[in-house]
Protein backbone atom coordinates (compact mmCIF):
# COMPACT_ATOMS: atom_id res chain seq x y z
CA MET A 1 24.19 -23.66 25.75
CA SER A 2 23.11 -27.23 25.37
CA LYS A 3 22.33 -28.53 22.02
CA ILE A 4 18.44 -28.81 23.21
CA LEU A 5 18.35 -25.25 24.13
CA LYS A 6 20.09 -24.42 21.13
CA SER A 7 17.31 -25.89 18.96
CA LEU A 8 14.41 -24.89 21.05
CA VAL A 9 15.90 -20.87 20.24
CA VAL A 10 16.39 -21.66 16.66
CA LEU A 11 12.45 -23.19 16.79
CA ILE A 12 11.03 -20.27 18.45
CA ILE A 13 12.88 -17.78 16.01
CA LEU A 14 11.44 -19.69 12.83
CA GLY A 15 8.06 -19.27 14.44
CA VAL A 16 8.52 -15.97 14.78
CA VAL A 17 9.77 -15.03 11.35
CA ALA A 18 6.91 -17.11 9.84
CA PHE A 19 4.18 -15.78 12.10
CA PHE A 20 4.01 -11.99 10.40
CA PRO A 21 4.33 -13.40 6.51
CA LEU A 22 1.50 -15.94 7.48
CA ARG A 23 -0.48 -13.89 8.99
CA TRP A 24 -0.47 -10.78 6.37
CA LEU A 25 -1.06 -13.81 3.47
CA VAL A 26 -3.83 -15.87 4.98
CA PRO A 27 -6.53 -12.72 4.13
CA ARG A 28 -5.22 -12.72 0.84
CA VAL A 29 -5.47 -16.01 -0.28
CA SER A 30 -9.46 -15.83 1.05
CA PRO A 31 -11.40 -14.21 -1.45
CA MET A 32 -14.95 -12.96 -0.73
CA PRO A 33 -17.40 -15.77 -2.12
CA ASP A 34 -19.81 -15.13 -4.82
CA ASN A 35 -22.55 -16.91 -3.54
CA LEU A 36 -23.66 -14.98 -0.13
CA GLY A 37 -26.66 -13.22 0.43
CA VAL A 38 -30.41 -14.40 0.80
CA GLU A 39 -32.48 -15.87 -2.23
CA ASN A 40 -36.28 -16.97 -1.90
CA GLY A 41 -35.80 -16.26 1.86
CA ARG A 42 -32.91 -18.60 2.13
CA LEU A 43 -29.25 -17.92 3.13
CA THR A 44 -26.19 -19.67 1.12
CA PRO A 45 -26.26 -23.76 2.13
CA CYS A 46 -23.46 -24.77 4.66
CA PRO A 47 -21.13 -26.39 2.43
CA ASN A 48 -20.03 -30.23 3.64
CA SER A 49 -17.18 -29.38 5.55
CA PRO A 50 -17.76 -28.53 9.82
CA ASN A 51 -16.97 -24.65 9.49
CA CYS A 52 -20.39 -23.13 9.10
CA VAL A 53 -23.09 -22.91 10.83
CA SER A 54 -26.60 -21.63 9.56
CA THR A 55 -29.96 -21.12 11.39
CA GLN A 56 -31.80 -22.66 7.85
CA ALA A 57 -29.28 -25.77 7.99
CA PRO A 58 -31.21 -29.22 7.70
CA ASP A 59 -28.48 -31.42 9.66
CA GLU A 60 -27.37 -31.21 13.04
CA GLN A 61 -23.51 -30.45 12.63
CA HIS A 62 -24.60 -27.16 10.88
CA ARG A 63 -27.76 -26.05 12.38
CA ILE A 64 -27.94 -23.11 15.19
CA GLU A 65 -31.50 -21.87 16.14
CA PRO A 66 -32.33 -18.45 15.20
CA ILE A 67 -33.14 -15.55 17.21
CA ALA A 68 -36.27 -14.57 17.92
CA TYR A 69 -37.36 -10.77 17.98
CA GLU A 70 -40.53 -8.83 19.06
CA GLY A 71 -41.97 -5.34 17.38
CA GLU A 72 -40.18 -3.59 14.92
CA THR A 73 -37.41 -5.56 12.46
CA ALA A 74 -35.54 -2.06 12.29
CA VAL A 75 -35.14 -2.32 16.11
CA ALA A 76 -33.77 -5.76 15.58
CA HIS A 77 -31.55 -4.55 12.73
CA GLN A 78 -29.79 -1.79 14.89
CA LYS A 79 -29.54 -4.25 17.79
CA ILE A 80 -27.16 -6.73 15.45
CA LEU A 81 -25.42 -3.37 13.73
CA THR A 82 -24.46 -1.82 17.24
CA LEU A 83 -23.08 -5.43 18.31
CA LEU A 84 -20.82 -5.42 15.14
CA ALA A 85 -19.70 -2.28 15.43
CA ASN A 86 -18.93 -2.89 19.23
CA ASP A 87 -16.86 -5.92 18.63
CA THR A 88 -13.51 -5.02 16.85
CA SER A 89 -13.53 -8.17 15.12
CA TYR A 90 -16.67 -7.40 12.67
CA THR A 91 -16.31 -5.58 9.64
CA LEU A 92 -19.54 -4.41 7.97
CA ILE A 93 -19.45 -5.61 4.16
CA SER A 94 -22.86 -4.68 2.99
CA GLN A 95 -26.79 -4.09 4.47
CA THR A 96 -30.37 -3.82 3.57
CA PRO A 97 -33.41 -3.50 6.04
CA THR A 98 -33.49 -7.05 5.77
CA TYR A 99 -30.10 -8.05 5.59
CA ILE A 100 -26.43 -7.62 6.99
CA HIS A 101 -23.19 -9.11 5.56
CA ALA A 102 -20.17 -8.42 8.05
CA GLU A 103 -16.52 -10.56 7.94
CA ALA A 104 -15.24 -11.92 11.00
CA ARG A 105 -11.62 -11.84 11.91
CA SER A 106 -10.17 -14.05 14.13
CA ASN A 107 -6.95 -11.98 16.21
CA LEU A 108 -3.96 -14.35 15.71
CA TRP A 109 -3.84 -15.49 11.99
CA ARG A 110 -6.55 -12.91 10.79
CA PHE A 111 -8.92 -16.09 9.42
CA ILE A 112 -11.74 -14.59 7.39
CA ASP A 113 -15.56 -15.74 8.35
CA ASP A 114 -18.45 -14.47 6.60
CA VAL A 115 -21.66 -13.78 9.11
CA GLU A 116 -24.36 -12.88 7.47
CA PHE A 117 -28.29 -12.34 9.05
CA PHE A 118 -31.45 -12.62 7.46
CA PHE A 119 -34.33 -10.65 9.26
CA ASP A 120 -37.44 -12.64 8.76
CA GLU A 121 -40.28 -10.29 9.23
CA ALA A 122 -43.15 -12.64 8.87
CA ASP A 123 -41.59 -15.32 11.19
CA GLY A 124 -40.16 -12.32 13.71
CA LEU A 125 -36.69 -14.02 13.56
CA ILE A 126 -33.21 -13.43 12.67
CA HIS A 127 -31.88 -16.32 10.74
CA PHE A 128 -28.18 -16.43 10.12
CA ARG A 129 -25.03 -18.11 9.04
CA SER A 130 -21.18 -17.89 9.71
CA ALA A 131 -18.97 -19.53 7.33
CA SER A 132 -15.09 -19.51 7.36
CA ARG A 133 -13.82 -18.90 3.98
CA LEU A 134 -10.52 -20.78 4.27
CA GLY A 135 -10.09 -24.05 6.18
CA TYR A 136 -11.80 -27.17 6.65
CA GLY A 137 -12.51 -27.01 10.31
CA ASP A 138 -12.98 -24.06 12.75
CA ALA A 139 -12.76 -25.95 16.27
CA GLY A 140 -16.24 -24.61 16.51
CA ALA A 141 -15.03 -21.10 16.24
CA ASN A 142 -18.26 -19.77 13.91
CA ARG A 143 -20.79 -21.43 16.28
CA GLN A 144 -19.13 -20.38 19.36
CA ARG A 145 -19.61 -16.48 18.14
CA LEU A 146 -22.92 -16.91 17.23
CA GLU A 147 -24.07 -17.86 20.19
CA GLU A 148 -21.89 -15.20 21.82
CA LEU A 149 -23.79 -12.53 19.68
CA ARG A 150 -27.42 -14.11 20.26
CA THR A 151 -26.37 -13.72 24.40
CA ALA A 152 -25.42 -10.09 23.71
CA PHE A 153 -28.48 -9.58 21.42
CA ALA A 154 -30.90 -10.60 24.53
CA GLN A 155 -28.64 -8.60 26.74
CA ALA A 156 -29.09 -6.02 24.90
CA ASN A 157 -31.63 -3.20 25.11
């Protein structure tokens, strides 16, 4: 075996050996924030880092459009719950008639993002926020996740 091939095999083995402990460790060093929820009709603001999106963010980096709905809030609420239940990356944490908090975990490293929904009954809007617990960037994962959920909501009956 050539020296380069041996080095490559060693790197692969080290990567596999390191993968499983890190995959186990990531969720354990990511405690749930204590500032989640709705206060005075507002979700918690995004931090300055680019790993959060919110319908209530004032800046373009973090802003994402809310979902408009017609009819009863309970129906829209149930639609969101059904979409979350049908996606194995989500775990429901808590809910009230106008609020849902779920965790979303990435497939590979099991990074945890907090995903929140606030149902603004007066305006017929679903405000939402998705923020990573760990790290600085997220390569657009939170935005993509919620845009996919928006599409699924529009297509759901």
